[in-house]
Amino acid sequence: MAEKKGEGFQSGAGLIRYFDEEEITGPALDPKLVIYIGIAIAVVVELAKLFWPI
């Protein structure tokens, strides 16, 4: 059989095309902002424990 160059193997061709076209649909957040938000929530929780003990 003659092999056609440039096509690659057929079983992986669809996957390669699929993963090459990634779309970012969510909001882009800076990783530092996520850390700061987590720290702020932890501080609020600890302050809530001090002011409203159970």
Protein backbone atom coordinates (compact mmCIF):
# COMPACT_ATOMS: atom_id res chain seq x y z
CA MET A 1 0.00 0.00 0.00
CA ALA A 2 1.16 3.50 -0.75
CA GLU A 3 1.46 5.74 2.28
CA LYS A 4 0.31 9.35 1.92
CA LYS A 5 2.61 11.82 3.61
CA GLY A 6 1.21 14.78 5.54
CA GLU A 7 -1.96 13.09 6.75
CA GLY A 8 -0.59 11.23 9.77
CA PHE A 9 -2.44 8.29 11.20
CA GLN A 10 -6.21 8.54 11.03
CA SER A 11 -7.14 7.40 14.52
CA GLY A 12 -5.36 10.31 16.20
CA ALA A 13 -6.12 13.02 13.65
CA GLY A 14 -9.46 13.99 15.14
CA LEU A 15 -8.08 14.20 18.66
CA ILE A 16 -5.18 16.33 17.61
CA ARG A 17 -7.47 18.79 15.84
CA TYR A 18 -9.82 18.83 18.80
CA PHE A 19 -7.18 19.63 21.41
CA ASP A 20 -5.46 22.24 19.24
CA GLU A 21 -8.58 24.40 19.42
CA GLU A 22 -8.96 25.15 23.11
CA GLU A 23 -11.45 27.82 24.06
CA ILE A 24 -11.22 29.69 27.33
CA THR A 25 -14.78 30.46 28.35
CA GLY A 26 -14.30 31.23 32.04
CA PRO A 27 -12.91 34.40 33.59
CA ALA A 28 -9.14 34.72 33.62
CA LEU A 29 -7.98 35.28 37.20
CA ASP A 30 -4.46 35.98 38.36
CA PRO A 31 -3.23 33.11 40.57
CA LYS A 32 -2.13 35.62 43.22
CA LEU A 33 -5.68 36.95 43.41
CA VAL A 34 -7.00 33.46 44.17
CA ILE A 35 -4.47 33.11 47.02
CA TYR A 36 -5.39 36.53 48.43
CA ILE A 37 -9.10 35.71 48.32
CA GLY A 38 -8.47 32.45 50.17
CA ILE A 39 -6.46 34.24 52.86
CA ALA A 40 -9.15 36.91 53.22
CA ILE A 41 -11.87 34.28 53.65
CA ALA A 42 -9.75 32.48 56.28
CA VAL A 43 -9.32 35.74 58.21
CA VAL A 44 -13.06 36.44 58.07
CA VAL A 45 -13.84 32.94 59.36
CA GLU A 46 -11.37 33.28 62.24
CA LEU A 47 -12.78 36.70 63.18
CA ALA A 48 -16.31 35.27 63.07
CA LYS A 49 -15.21 32.56 65.54
CA LEU A 50 -13.95 35.24 67.92
CA PHE A 51 -17.05 37.44 67.76
CA TRP A 52 -19.67 34.67 67.67
CA PRO A 53 -18.40 31.70 69.69
CA ILE A 54 -20.61 28.64 69.80
